[in-house]
Amino acid sequence: MLMPPYERLKAWQECHKLVLETYRVTKGFPREELYGLTSQARRAAFSAAVNIVEGSAKRGVGEYRRFLDISIGSLAELGYAFRVAVELEMLSKRDWLTLEDLRRRAGFLTWRLYKSFDNRAR
């Protein structure tokens, strides 16, 4: 089976892990948060990964970078969602550390991918 090009990207691989872990952890959030923090965290994590996928399908470097920029923003949003969940005691410190480690690695790799287009974007 042929692997789609985005699956070779380390940034996408880390974002994908983050999506799966976010879904796993948010299963334990209170039921009343299903349409609040649970949904927001899941959407932000999914957005980070899916924007790398969508950007990789674009033809122009500028367009690709725009999608990577959105991915980076979604990772920042997710970091805040995790902070709120920890402070509201919906997320354990242990799970938060795991998620934050994944989020930071995904962010670093996505930023590096974004910067790799610096010379080609002009």
PDB file of N, CA and C in Angstrom:
ATOM      1  N   MET A   1       0.837  -1.179   0.000  1.00  0.00           N
ATOM      2  CA  MET A   1       0.000   0.000   0.000  1.00  0.00           C
ATOM      3  C   MET A   1       0.886   1.248   0.000  1.00  0.00           C
ATOM      4  N   LEU A   2       0.575   2.172  -0.866  1.00  0.00           N
ATOM      5  CA  LEU A   2       1.347   3.398  -1.006  1.00  0.00           C
ATOM      6  C   LEU A   2       0.988   4.381   0.111  1.00  0.00           C
ATOM      7  N   MET A   3       2.000   4.946   0.730  1.00  0.00           N
ATOM      8  CA  MET A   3       1.803   5.886   1.824  1.00  0.00           C
ATOM      9  C   MET A   3       1.572   7.290   1.256  1.00  0.00           C
ATOM     10  N   PRO A   4       0.502   7.990   1.712  1.00  0.00           N
ATOM     11  CA  PRO A   4       0.321   9.382   1.286  1.00  0.00           C
ATOM     12  C   PRO A   4       1.520  10.219   1.725  1.00  0.00           C
ATOM     13  N   PRO A   5       1.879  11.244   0.961  1.00  0.00           N
ATOM     14  CA  PRO A   5       3.076  12.034   1.270  1.00  0.00           C
ATOM     15  C   PRO A   5       3.093  12.621   2.684  1.00  0.00           C
ATOM     16  N   TYR A   6       1.955  13.066   3.188  1.00  0.00           N
ATOM     17  CA  TYR A   6       1.946  13.681   4.519  1.00  0.00           C
ATOM     18  C   TYR A   6       2.338  12.705   5.617  1.00  0.00           C
ATOM     19  N   GLU A   7       2.102  11.407   5.408  1.00  0.00           N
ATOM     20  CA  GLU A   7       2.426  10.417   6.435  1.00  0.00           C
ATOM     21  C   GLU A   7       3.932  10.286   6.653  1.00  0.00           C
ATOM     22  N   ARG A   8       4.725  10.774   5.717  1.00  0.00           N
ATOM     23  CA  ARG A   8       6.185  10.737   5.865  1.00  0.00           C
ATOM     24  C   ARG A   8       6.691  11.896   6.724  1.00  0.00           C
ATOM     25  N   LEU A   9       5.853  12.887   6.941  1.00  0.00           N
ATOM     26  CA  LEU A   9       6.263  14.081   7.690  1.00  0.00           C
ATOM     27  C   LEU A   9       6.244  13.829   9.191  1.00  0.00           C
ATOM     28  N   LYS A  10       7.374  14.093   9.844  1.00  0.00           N
ATOM     29  CA  LYS A  10       7.461  13.916  11.299  1.00  0.00           C
ATOM     30  C   LYS A  10       6.451  14.813  12.022  1.00  0.00           C
ATOM     31  N   ALA A  11       6.227  16.011  11.487  1.00  0.00           N
ATOM     32  CA  ALA A  11       5.262  16.930  12.109  1.00  0.00           C
ATOM     33  C   ALA A  11       3.876  16.298  12.126  1.00  0.00           C
ATOM     34  N   TRP A  12       3.460  15.718  11.012  1.00  0.00           N
ATOM     35  CA  TRP A  12       2.150  15.072  10.970  1.00  0.00           C
ATOM     36  C   TRP A  12       2.115  13.867  11.900  1.00  0.00           C
ATOM     37  N   GLN A  13       3.171  13.068  11.927  1.00  0.00           N
ATOM     38  CA  GLN A  13       3.213  11.879  12.781  1.00  0.00           C
ATOM     39  C   GLN A  13       3.003  12.252  14.244  1.00  0.00           C
ATOM     40  N   GLU A  14       3.659  13.330  14.689  1.00  0.00           N
ATOM     41  CA  GLU A  14       3.501  13.766  16.080  1.00  0.00           C
ATOM     42  C   GLU A  14       2.106  14.336  16.326  1.00  0.00           C
ATOM     43  N   CYS A  15       1.598  15.094  15.367  1.00  0.00           N
ATOM     44  CA  CYS A  15       0.236  15.630  15.510  1.00  0.00           C
ATOM     45  C   CYS A  15      -0.783  14.499  15.568  1.00  0.00           C
ATOM     46  N   HIS A  16      -0.578  13.473  14.773  1.00  0.00           N
ATOM     47  CA  HIS A  16      -1.487  12.325  14.771  1.00  0.00           C
ATOM     48  C   HIS A  16      -1.478  11.627  16.136  1.00  0.00           C
ATOM     49  N   LYS A  17      -0.298  11.425  16.689  1.00  0.00           N
ATOM     50  CA  LYS A  17      -0.203  10.846  18.041  1.00  0.00           C
ATOM     51  C   LYS A  17      -0.957  11.717  19.048  1.00  0.00           C
ATOM     52  N   LEU A  18      -0.816  13.023  18.898  1.00  0.00           N
ATOM     53  CA  LEU A  18      -1.476  13.971  19.791  1.00  0.00           C
ATOM     54  C   LEU A  18      -2.995  13.877  19.670  1.00  0.00           C
ATOM     55  N   VAL A  19      -3.503  13.718  18.462  1.00  0.00           N
ATOM     56  CA  VAL A  19      -4.949  13.551  18.264  1.00  0.00           C
ATOM     57  C   VAL A  19      -5.432  12.315  19.016  1.00  0.00           C
ATOM     58  N   LEU A  20      -4.745  11.198  18.813  1.00  0.00           N
ATOM     59  CA  LEU A  20      -5.164   9.949  19.451  1.00  0.00           C
ATOM     60  C   LEU A  20      -5.119  10.054  20.973  1.00  0.00           C
ATOM     61  N   GLU A  21      -4.065  10.658  21.496  1.00  0.00           N
ATOM     62  CA  GLU A  21      -3.940  10.800  22.949  1.00  0.00           C
ATOM     63  C   GLU A  21      -4.976  11.779  23.503  1.00  0.00           C
ATOM     64  N   THR A  22      -5.262  12.836  22.768  1.00  0.00           N
ATOM     65  CA  THR A  22      -6.276  13.803  23.193  1.00  0.00           C
ATOM     66  C   THR A  22      -7.640  13.122  23.279  1.00  0.00           C
ATOM     67  N   TYR A  23      -7.985  12.342  22.279  1.00  0.00           N
ATOM     68  CA  TYR A  23      -9.259  11.616  22.312  1.00  0.00           C
ATOM     69  C   TYR A  23      -9.295  10.637  23.484  1.00  0.00           C
ATOM     70  N   ARG A  24      -8.185   9.949  23.717  1.00  0.00           N
ATOM     71  CA  ARG A  24      -8.150   8.977  24.823  1.00  0.00           C
ATOM     72  C   ARG A  24      -8.372   9.668  26.156  1.00  0.00           C
ATOM     73  N   VAL A  25      -7.655  10.743  26.388  1.00  0.00           N
ATOM     74  CA  VAL A  25      -7.724  11.428  27.683  1.00  0.00           C
ATOM     75  C   VAL A  25      -9.070  12.128  27.888  1.00  0.00           C
ATOM     76  N   THR A  26      -9.601  12.727  26.833  1.00  0.00           N
ATOM     77  CA  THR A  26     -10.847  13.480  26.995  1.00  0.00           C
ATOM     78  C   THR A  26     -12.066  12.576  27.172  1.00  0.00           C
ATOM     79  N   LYS A  27     -11.915  11.285  26.946  1.00  0.00           N
ATOM     80  CA  LYS A  27     -13.011  10.345  27.261  1.00  0.00           C
ATOM     81  C   LYS A  27     -13.381  10.422  28.734  1.00  0.00           C
ATOM     82  N   GLY A  28     -12.402  10.780  29.568  1.00  0.00           N
ATOM     83  CA  GLY A  28     -12.634  10.856  31.009  1.00  0.00           C
ATOM     84  C   GLY A  28     -13.142  12.209  31.490  1.00  0.00           C
ATOM     85  N   PHE A  29     -13.311  13.165  30.589  1.00  0.00           N
ATOM     86  CA  PHE A  29     -13.828  14.478  30.993  1.00  0.00           C
ATOM     87  C   PHE A  29     -15.298  14.338  31.383  1.00  0.00           C
ATOM     88  N   PRO A  30     -15.787  15.237  32.227  1.00  0.00           N
ATOM     89  CA  PRO A  30     -17.199  15.170  32.644  1.00  0.00           C
ATOM     90  C   PRO A  30     -18.152  15.234  31.447  1.00  0.00           C
ATOM     91  N   ARG A  31     -19.253  14.532  31.561  1.00  0.00           N
ATOM     92  CA  ARG A  31     -20.250  14.471  30.480  1.00  0.00           C
ATOM     93  C   ARG A  31     -20.738  15.863  30.079  1.00  0.00           C
ATOM     94  N   GLU A  32     -20.882  16.747  31.066  1.00  0.00           N
ATOM     95  CA  GLU A  32     -21.390  18.096  30.765  1.00  0.00           C
ATOM     96  C   GLU A  32     -20.410  18.920  29.934  1.00  0.00           C
ATOM     97  N   GLU A  33     -19.183  18.439  29.780  1.00  0.00           N
ATOM     98  CA  GLU A  33     -18.176  19.134  28.963  1.00  0.00           C
ATOM     99  C   GLU A  33     -18.093  18.584  27.542  1.00  0.00           C
ATOM    100  N   LEU A  34     -18.988  17.654  27.202  1.00  0.00           N
ATOM    101  CA  LEU A  34     -18.940  17.042  25.878  1.00  0.00           C
ATOM    102  C   LEU A  34     -18.959  18.077  24.760  1.00  0.00           C
ATOM    103  N   TYR A  35     -19.780  19.114  24.894  1.00  0.00           N
ATOM    104  CA  TYR A  35     -19.871  20.149  23.860  1.00  0.00           C
ATOM    105  C   TYR A  35     -19.054  21.384  24.213  1.00  0.00           C
ATOM    106  N   GLY A  36     -18.300  21.303  25.289  1.00  0.00           N
ATOM    107  CA  GLY A  36     -17.456  22.404  25.718  1.00  0.00           C
ATOM    108  C   GLY A  36     -15.992  22.052  25.532  1.00  0.00           C
ATOM    109  N   LEU A  37     -15.327  21.856  26.641  1.00  0.00           N
ATOM    110  CA  LEU A  37     -13.885  21.644  26.623  1.00  0.00           C
ATOM    111  C   LEU A  37     -13.479  20.354  25.891  1.00  0.00           C
ATOM    112  N   THR A  38     -14.262  19.308  26.022  1.00  0.00           N
ATOM    113  CA  THR A  38     -13.939  18.051  25.326  1.00  0.00           C
ATOM    114  C   THR A  38     -13.919  18.276  23.820  1.00  0.00           C
ATOM    115  N   SER A  39     -14.990  18.864  23.333  1.00  0.00           N
ATOM    116  CA  SER A  39     -15.100  19.129  21.901  1.00  0.00           C
ATOM    117  C   SER A  39     -14.026  20.101  21.426  1.00  0.00           C
ATOM    118  N   GLN A  40     -13.775  21.143  22.200  1.00  0.00           N
ATOM    119  CA  GLN A  40     -12.786  22.153  21.810  1.00  0.00           C
ATOM    120  C   GLN A  40     -11.384  21.553  21.710  1.00  0.00           C
ATOM    121  N   ALA A  41     -11.014  20.746  22.709  1.00  0.00           N
ATOM    122  CA  ALA A  41      -9.685  20.120  22.701  1.00  0.00           C
ATOM    123  C   ALA A  41      -9.550  19.159  21.521  1.00  0.00           C
ATOM    124  N   ARG A  42     -10.580  18.373  21.291  1.00  0.00           N
ATOM    125  CA  ARG A  42     -10.529  17.413  20.184  1.00  0.00           C
ATOM    126  C   ARG A  42     -10.447  18.126  18.838  1.00  0.00           C
ATOM    127  N   ARG A  43     -11.229  19.176  18.676  1.00  0.00           N
ATOM    128  CA  ARG A  43     -11.206  19.918  17.407  1.00  0.00           C
ATOM    129  C   ARG A  43      -9.847  20.566  17.166  1.00  0.00           C
ATOM    130  N   ALA A  44      -9.255  21.132  18.221  1.00  0.00           N
ATOM    131  CA  ALA A  44      -7.948  21.783  18.066  1.00  0.00           C
ATOM    132  C   ALA A  44      -6.871  20.763  17.707  1.00  0.00           C
ATOM    133  N   ALA A  45      -6.883  19.610  18.370  1.00  0.00           N
ATOM    134  CA  ALA A  45      -5.894  18.571  18.063  1.00  0.00           C
ATOM    135  C   ALA A  45      -6.078  18.070  16.630  1.00  0.00           C
ATOM    136  N   PHE A  46      -7.325  17.800  16.257  1.00  0.00           N
ATOM    137  CA  PHE A  46      -7.607  17.329  14.903  1.00  0.00           C
ATOM    138  C   PHE A  46      -7.209  18.372  13.869  1.00  0.00           C
ATOM    139  N   SER A  47      -7.482  19.624  14.168  1.00  0.00           N
ATOM    140  CA  SER A  47      -7.140  20.719  13.258  1.00  0.00           C
ATOM    141  C   SER A  47      -5.637  20.787  13.009  1.00  0.00           C
ATOM    142  N   ALA A  48      -4.851  20.583  14.044  1.00  0.00           N
ATOM    143  CA  ALA A  48      -3.393  20.630  13.888  1.00  0.00           C
ATOM    144  C   ALA A  48      -2.932  19.588  12.879  1.00  0.00           C
ATOM    145  N   ALA A  49      -3.450  18.381  12.992  1.00  0.00           N
ATOM    146  CA  ALA A  49      -3.046  17.306  12.082  1.00  0.00           C
ATOM    147  C   ALA A  49      -3.646  17.474  10.691  1.00  0.00           C
ATOM    148  N   VAL A  50      -4.923  17.785  10.627  1.00  0.00           N
ATOM    149  CA  VAL A  50      -5.600  17.829   9.332  1.00  0.00           C
ATOM    150  C   VAL A  50      -5.122  19.003   8.476  1.00  0.00           C
ATOM    151  N   ASN A  51      -4.664  20.078   9.093  1.00  0.00           N
ATOM    152  CA  ASN A  51      -4.143  21.192   8.307  1.00  0.00           C
ATOM    153  C   ASN A  51      -2.801  20.857   7.669  1.00  0.00           C
ATOM    154  N   ILE A  52      -2.022  19.994   8.295  1.00  0.00           N
ATOM    155  CA  ILE A  52      -0.796  19.504   7.652  1.00  0.00           C
ATOM    156  C   ILE A  52      -1.167  18.647   6.446  1.00  0.00           C
ATOM    157  N   VAL A  53      -2.171  17.803   6.621  1.00  0.00           N
ATOM    158  CA  VAL A  53      -2.640  16.955   5.521  1.00  0.00           C
ATOM    159  C   VAL A  53      -3.132  17.823   4.364  1.00  0.00           C
ATOM    160  N   GLU A  54      -4.022  18.761   4.666  1.00  0.00           N
ATOM    161  CA  GLU A  54      -4.586  19.600   3.615  1.00  0.00           C
ATOM    162  C   GLU A  54      -3.516  20.465   2.948  1.00  0.00           C
ATOM    163  N   GLY A  55      -2.639  21.035   3.741  1.00  0.00           N
ATOM    164  CA  GLY A  55      -1.570  21.864   3.184  1.00  0.00           C
ATOM    165  C   GLY A  55      -0.665  21.090   2.253  1.00  0.00           C
ATOM    166  N   SER A  56      -0.404  19.838   2.591  1.00  0.00           N
ATOM    167  CA  SER A  56       0.482  19.020   1.754  1.00  0.00           C
ATOM    168  C   SER A  56      -0.136  18.720   0.395  1.00  0.00           C
ATOM    169  N   ALA A  57      -1.432  18.893   0.271  1.00  0.00           N
ATOM    170  CA  ALA A  57      -2.113  18.645  -1.003  1.00  0.00           C
ATOM    171  C   ALA A  57      -2.160  19.893  -1.885  1.00  0.00           C
ATOM    172  N   LYS A  58      -1.719  21.019  -1.346  1.00  0.00           N
ATOM    173  CA  LYS A  58      -1.742  22.264  -2.113  1.00  0.00           C
ATOM    174  C   LYS A  58      -0.523  22.352  -3.024  1.00  0.00           C
ATOM    175  N   ARG A  59      -0.666  23.093  -4.083  1.00  0.00           N
ATOM    176  CA  ARG A  59       0.417  23.196  -5.061  1.00  0.00           C
ATOM    177  C   ARG A  59       1.451  24.259  -4.717  1.00  0.00           C
ATOM    178  N   GLY A  60       1.024  25.346  -4.147  1.00  0.00           N
ATOM    179  CA  GLY A  60       1.942  26.439  -3.890  1.00  0.00           C
ATOM    180  C   GLY A  60       2.507  26.428  -2.485  1.00  0.00           C
ATOM    181  N   VAL A  61       3.751  26.859  -2.359  1.00  0.00           N
ATOM    182  CA  VAL A  61       4.427  26.930  -1.059  1.00  0.00           C
ATOM    183  C   VAL A  61       3.695  27.891  -0.126  1.00  0.00           C
ATOM    184  N   GLY A  62       3.257  29.027  -0.649  1.00  0.00           N
ATOM    185  CA  GLY A  62       2.561  30.005   0.172  1.00  0.00           C
ATOM    186  C   GLY A  62       1.291  29.441   0.780  1.00  0.00           C
ATOM    187  N   GLU A  63       0.549  28.685  -0.022  1.00  0.00           N
ATOM    188  CA  GLU A  63      -0.678  28.062   0.481  1.00  0.00           C
ATOM    189  C   GLU A  63      -0.355  27.016   1.542  1.00  0.00           C
ATOM    190  N   TYR A  64       0.659  26.212   1.283  1.00  0.00           N
ATOM    191  CA  TYR A  64       1.076  25.178   2.226  1.00  0.00           C
ATOM    192  C   TYR A  64       1.442  25.826   3.569  1.00  0.00           C
ATOM    193  N   ARG A  65       2.214  26.897   3.496  1.00  0.00           N
ATOM    194  CA  ARG A  65       2.614  27.603   4.721  1.00  0.00           C
ATOM    195  C   ARG A  65       1.406  28.138   5.486  1.00  0.00           C
ATOM    196  N   ARG A  66       0.404  28.602   4.757  1.00  0.00           N
ATOM    197  CA  ARG A  66      -0.806  29.118   5.415  1.00  0.00           C
ATOM    198  C   ARG A  66      -1.458  28.010   6.241  1.00  0.00           C
ATOM    199  N   PHE A  67      -1.520  26.808   5.701  1.00  0.00           N
ATOM    200  CA  PHE A  67      -2.105  25.693   6.438  1.00  0.00           C
ATOM    201  C   PHE A  67      -1.230  25.288   7.627  1.00  0.00           C
ATOM    202  N   LEU A  68       0.075  25.348   7.468  1.00  0.00           N
ATOM    203  CA  LEU A  68       0.976  25.060   8.587  1.00  0.00           C
ATOM    204  C   LEU A  68       0.822  26.103   9.683  1.00  0.00           C
ATOM    205  N   ASP A  69       0.607  27.347   9.293  1.00  0.00           N
ATOM    206  CA  ASP A  69       0.381  28.421  10.255  1.00  0.00           C
ATOM    207  C   ASP A  69      -0.890  28.151  11.071  1.00  0.00           C
ATOM    208  N   ILE A  70      -1.921  27.688  10.411  1.00  0.00           N
ATOM    209  CA  ILE A  70      -3.166  27.333  11.104  1.00  0.00           C
ATOM    210  C   ILE A  70      -2.912  26.183  12.068  1.00  0.00           C
ATOM    211  N   SER A  71      -2.130  25.209  11.637  1.00  0.00           N
ATOM    212  CA  SER A  71      -1.787  24.068  12.488  1.00  0.00           C
ATOM    213  C   SER A  71      -1.068  24.533  13.757  1.00  0.00           C
ATOM    214  N   ILE A  72      -0.132  25.441  13.601  1.00  0.00           N
ATOM    215  CA  ILE A  72       0.610  25.977  14.758  1.00  0.00           C
ATOM    216  C   ILE A  72      -0.348  26.703  15.710  1.00  0.00           C
ATOM    217  N   GLY A  73      -1.278  27.463  15.155  1.00  0.00           N
ATOM    218  CA  GLY A  73      -2.276  28.144  15.978  1.00  0.00           C
ATOM    219  C   GLY A  73      -3.158  27.162  16.727  1.00  0.00           C
ATOM    220  N   SER A  74      -3.535  26.087  16.084  1.00  0.00           N
ATOM    221  CA  SER A  74      -4.361  25.069  16.731  1.00  0.00           C
ATOM    222  C   SER A  74      -3.618  24.397  17.883  1.00  0.00           C
ATOM    223  N   LEU A  75      -2.330  24.205  17.712  1.00  0.00           N
ATOM    224  CA  LEU A  75      -1.528  23.624  18.796  1.00  0.00           C
ATOM    225  C   LEU A  75      -1.462  24.565  19.995  1.00  0.00           C
ATOM    226  N   ALA A  76      -1.380  25.864  19.740  1.00  0.00           N
ATOM    227  CA  ALA A  76      -1.393  26.843  20.833  1.00  0.00           C
ATOM    228  C   ALA A  76      -2.745  26.821  21.543  1.00  0.00           C
ATOM    229  N   GLU A  77      -3.813  26.772  20.775  1.00  0.00           N
ATOM    230  CA  GLU A  77      -5.163  26.691  21.339  1.00  0.00           C
ATOM    231  C   GLU A  77      -5.315  25.446  22.208  1.00  0.00           C
ATOM    232  N   LEU A  78      -4.784  24.340  21.733  1.00  0.00           N
ATOM    233  CA  LEU A  78      -4.858  23.092  22.479  1.00  0.00           C
ATOM    234  C   LEU A  78      -4.108  23.192  23.805  1.00  0.00           C
ATOM    235  N   GLY A  79      -2.978  23.881  23.789  1.00  0.00           N
ATOM    236  CA  GLY A  79      -2.229  24.079  25.031  1.00  0.00           C
ATOM    237  C   GLY A  79      -3.059  24.809  26.069  1.00  0.00           C
ATOM    238  N   TYR A  80      -3.822  25.799  25.640  1.00  0.00           N
ATOM    239  CA  TYR A  80      -4.680  26.525  26.583  1.00  0.00           C
ATOM    240  C   TYR A  80      -5.829  25.638  27.077  1.00  0.00           C
ATOM    241  N   ALA A  81      -6.401  24.846  26.187  1.00  0.00           N
ATOM    242  CA  ALA A  81      -7.472  23.931  26.600  1.00  0.00           C
ATOM    243  C   ALA A  81      -6.968  22.960  27.674  1.00  0.00           C
ATOM    244  N   PHE A  82      -5.749  22.457  27.492  1.00  0.00           N
ATOM    245  CA  PHE A  82      -5.171  21.557  28.490  1.00  0.00           C
ATOM    246  C   PHE A  82      -4.954  22.285  29.813  1.00  0.00           C
ATOM    247  N   ARG A  83      -4.504  23.525  29.748  1.00  0.00           N
ATOM    248  CA  ARG A  83      -4.280  24.306  30.971  1.00  0.00           C
ATOM    249  C   ARG A  83      -5.584  24.473  31.743  1.00  0.00           C
ATOM    250  N   VAL A  84      -6.642  24.823  31.049  1.00  0.00           N
ATOM    251  CA  VAL A  84      -7.946  24.979  31.694  1.00  0.00           C
ATOM    252  C   VAL A  84      -8.386  23.651  32.311  1.00  0.00           C
ATOM    253  N   ALA A  85      -8.219  22.566  31.567  1.00  0.00           N
ATOM    254  CA  ALA A  85      -8.628  21.251  32.071  1.00  0.00           C
ATOM    255  C   ALA A  85      -7.857  20.863  33.330  1.00  0.00           C
ATOM    256  N   VAL A  86      -6.579  21.190  33.389  1.00  0.00           N
ATOM    257  CA  VAL A  86      -5.779  20.892  34.586  1.00  0.00           C
ATOM    258  C   VAL A  86      -6.267  21.734  35.758  1.00  0.00           C
ATOM    259  N   GLU A  87      -6.465  23.032  35.516  1.00  0.00           N
ATOM    260  CA  GLU A  87      -6.878  23.934  36.592  1.00  0.00           C
ATOM    261  C   GLU A  87      -8.282  23.626  37.096  1.00  0.00           C
ATOM    262  N   LEU A  88      -9.132  23.054  36.245  1.00  0.00           N
ATOM    263  CA  LEU A  88     -10.470  22.637  36.675  1.00  0.00           C
ATOM    264  C   LEU A  88     -10.486  21.202  37.207  1.00  0.00           C
ATOM    265  N   GLU A  89      -9.302  20.606  37.284  1.00  0.00           N
ATOM    266  CA  GLU A  89      -9.095  19.252  37.806  1.00  0.00           C
ATOM    267  C   GLU A  89      -9.837  18.187  37.006  1.00  0.00           C
ATOM    268  N   MET A  90      -9.936  18.417  35.695  1.00  0.00           N
ATOM    269  CA  MET A  90     -10.510  17.416  34.797  1.00  0.00           C
ATOM    270  C   MET A  90      -9.411  16.580  34.154  1.00  0.00           C
ATOM    271  N   LEU A  91      -8.188  17.066  34.243  1.00  0.00           N
ATOM    272  CA  LEU A  91      -7.041  16.424  33.627  1.00  0.00           C
ATOM    273  C   LEU A  91      -5.967  16.251  34.690  1.00  0.00           C
ATOM    274  N   SER A  92      -5.481  15.031  34.843  1.00  0.00           N
ATOM    275  CA  SER A  92      -4.441  14.773  35.842  1.00  0.00           C
ATOM    276  C   SER A  92      -3.129  15.408  35.407  1.00  0.00           C
ATOM    277  N   LYS A  93      -2.290  15.682  36.372  1.00  0.00           N
ATOM    278  CA  LYS A  93      -0.960  16.241  36.063  1.00  0.00           C
ATOM    279  C   LYS A  93      -0.179  15.276  35.166  1.00  0.00           C
ATOM    280  N   ARG A  94      -0.323  13.998  35.419  1.00  0.00           N
ATOM    281  CA  ARG A  94       0.395  12.984  34.633  1.00  0.00           C
ATOM    282  C   ARG A  94      -0.044  13.024  33.167  1.00  0.00           C
ATOM    283  N   ASP A  95      -1.371  13.037  32.942  1.00  0.00           N
ATOM    284  CA  ASP A  95      -1.872  13.115  31.567  1.00  0.00           C
ATOM    285  C   ASP A  95      -1.485  14.442  30.924  1.00  0.00           C
ATOM    286  N   TRP A  96      -1.532  15.513  31.706  1.00  0.00           N
ATOM    287  CA  TRP A  96      -1.163  16.824  31.182  1.00  0.00           C
ATOM    288  C   TRP A  96       0.296  16.824  30.714  1.00  0.00           C
ATOM    289  N   LEU A  97       1.181  16.235  31.513  1.00  0.00           N
ATOM    290  CA  LEU A  97       2.595  16.183  31.116  1.00  0.00           C
ATOM    291  C   LEU A  97       2.786  15.395  29.829  1.00  0.00           C
ATOM    292  N   THR A  98       2.079  14.284  29.699  1.00  0.00           N
ATOM    293  CA  THR A  98       2.151  13.478  28.473  1.00  0.00           C
ATOM    294  C   THR A  98       1.661  14.274  27.272  1.00  0.00           C
ATOM    295  N   LEU A  99       0.504  14.905  27.427  1.00  0.00           N
ATOM    296  CA  LEU A  99      -0.080  15.689  26.337  1.00  0.00           C
ATOM    297  C   LEU A  99       0.791  16.894  25.978  1.00  0.00           C
ATOM    298  N   GLU A 100       1.301  17.565  26.981  1.00  0.00           N
ATOM    299  CA  GLU A 100       2.148  18.733  26.730  1.00  0.00           C
ATOM    300  C   GLU A 100       3.432  18.348  26.007  1.00  0.00           C
ATOM    301  N   ASP A 101       3.996  17.214  26.379  1.00  0.00           N
ATOM    302  CA  ASP A 101       5.201  16.752  25.696  1.00  0.00           C
ATOM    303  C   ASP A 101       4.907  16.489  24.220  1.00  0.00           C
ATOM    304  N   LEU A 102       3.807  15.801  23.949  1.00  0.00           N
ATOM    305  CA  LEU A 102       3.411  15.546  22.562  1.00  0.00           C
ATOM    306  C   LEU A 102       3.126  16.850  21.823  1.00  0.00           C
ATOM    307  N   ARG A 103       2.402  17.760  22.474  1.00  0.00           N
ATOM    308  CA  ARG A 103       2.032  19.035  21.852  1.00  0.00           C
ATOM    309  C   ARG A 103       3.267  19.864  21.521  1.00  0.00           C
ATOM    310  N   ARG A 104       4.205  19.911  22.429  1.00  0.00           N
ATOM    311  CA  ARG A 104       5.429  20.690  22.186  1.00  0.00           C
ATOM    312  C   ARG A 104       6.270  20.094  21.060  1.00  0.00           C
ATOM    313  N   ARG A 105       6.376  18.774  21.042  1.00  0.00           N
ATOM    314  CA  ARG A 105       7.127  18.140  19.948  1.00  0.00           C
ATOM    315  C   ARG A 105       6.435  18.379  18.609  1.00  0.00           C
ATOM    316  N   ALA A 106       5.120  18.237  18.595  1.00  0.00           N
ATOM    317  CA  ALA A 106       4.357  18.481  17.363  1.00  0.00           C
ATOM    318  C   ALA A 106       4.529  19.929  16.924  1.00  0.00           C
ATOM    319  N   GLY A 107       4.489  20.847  17.871  1.00  0.00           N
ATOM    320  CA  GLY A 107       4.660  22.261  17.553  1.00  0.00           C
ATOM    321  C   GLY A 107       6.045  22.567  17.013  1.00  0.00           C
ATOM    322  N   PHE A 108       7.051  22.004  17.646  1.00  0.00           N
ATOM    323  CA  PHE A 108       8.431  22.214  17.197  1.00  0.00           C
ATOM    324  C   PHE A 108       8.621  21.711  15.767  1.00  0.00           C
ATOM    325  N   LEU A 109       8.142  20.507  15.502  1.00  0.00           N
ATOM    326  CA  LEU A 109       8.315  19.921  14.174  1.00  0.00           C
ATOM    327  C   LEU A 109       7.489  20.655  13.114  1.00  0.00           C
ATOM    328  N   THR A 110       6.308  21.091  13.488  1.00  0.00           N
ATOM    329  CA  THR A 110       5.468  21.844  12.544  1.00  0.00           C
ATOM    330  C   THR A 110       6.114  23.189  12.241  1.00  0.00           C
ATOM    331  N   TRP A 111       6.661  23.821  13.272  1.00  0.00           N
ATOM    332  CA  TRP A 111       7.361  25.097  13.063  1.00  0.00           C
ATOM    333  C   TRP A 111       8.577  24.906  12.161  1.00  0.00           C
ATOM    334  N   ARG A 112       9.331  23.842  12.374  1.00  0.00           N
ATOM    335  CA  ARG A 112      10.492  23.567  11.518  1.00  0.00           C
ATOM    336  C   ARG A 112      10.072  23.323  10.076  1.00  0.00           C
ATOM    337  N   LEU A 113       8.971  22.617   9.889  1.00  0.00           N
ATOM    338  CA  LEU A 113       8.467  22.395   8.537  1.00  0.00           C
ATOM    339  C   LEU A 113       8.077  23.729   7.903  1.00  0.00           C
ATOM    340  N   TYR A 114       7.400  24.555   8.661  1.00  0.00           N
ATOM    341  CA  TYR A 114       7.015  25.891   8.195  1.00  0.00           C
ATOM    342  C   TYR A 114       8.251  26.692   7.785  1.00  0.00           C
ATOM    343  N   LYS A 115       9.257  26.714   8.640  1.00  0.00           N
ATOM    344  CA  LYS A 115      10.485  27.480   8.367  1.00  0.00           C
ATOM    345  C   LYS A 115      11.281  26.890   7.204  1.00  0.00           C
ATOM    346  N   SER A 116      11.129  25.614   6.931  1.00  0.00           N
ATOM    347  CA  SER A 116      11.875  25.005   5.822  1.00  0.00           C
ATOM    348  C   SER A 116      11.481  25.582   4.465  1.00  0.00           C
ATOM    349  N   PHE A 117      10.350  26.257   4.432  1.00  0.00           N
ATOM    350  CA  PHE A 117       9.888  26.881   3.182  1.00  0.00           C
ATOM    351  C   PHE A 117      10.290  28.335   3.070  1.00  0.00           C
ATOM    352  N   ASP A 118      11.048  28.865   4.040  1.00  0.00           N
ATOM    353  CA  ASP A 118      11.434  30.271   4.035  1.00  0.00           C
ATOM    354  C   ASP A 118      12.047  30.720   2.722  1.00  0.00           C
ATOM    355  N   ASN A 119      13.016  30.024   2.233  1.00  0.00           N
ATOM    356  CA  ASN A 119      13.714  30.425   1.014  1.00  0.00           C
ATOM    357  C   ASN A 119      12.902  30.152  -0.250  1.00  0.00           C
ATOM    358  N   ARG A 120      11.964  29.237  -0.147  1.00  0.00           N
ATOM    359  CA  ARG A 120      11.162  28.877  -1.332  1.00  0.00           C
ATOM    360  C   ARG A 120       9.882  29.698  -1.437  1.00  0.00           C
ATOM    361  N   ALA A 121       9.510  30.408  -0.366  1.00  0.00           N
ATOM    362  CA  ALA A 121       8.222  31.114  -0.349  1.00  0.00           C
ATOM    363  C   ALA A 121       8.241  32.399  -1.150  1.00  0.00           C
ATOM    364  N   ARG A 122       9.390  32.903  -1.470  1.00  0.00           N
ATOM    365  CA  ARG A 122       9.471  34.195  -2.135  1.00  0.00           C
ATOM    366  C   ARG A 122       9.609  34.106  -3.618  1.00  0.00           C
TER     367      ARG A 122
END
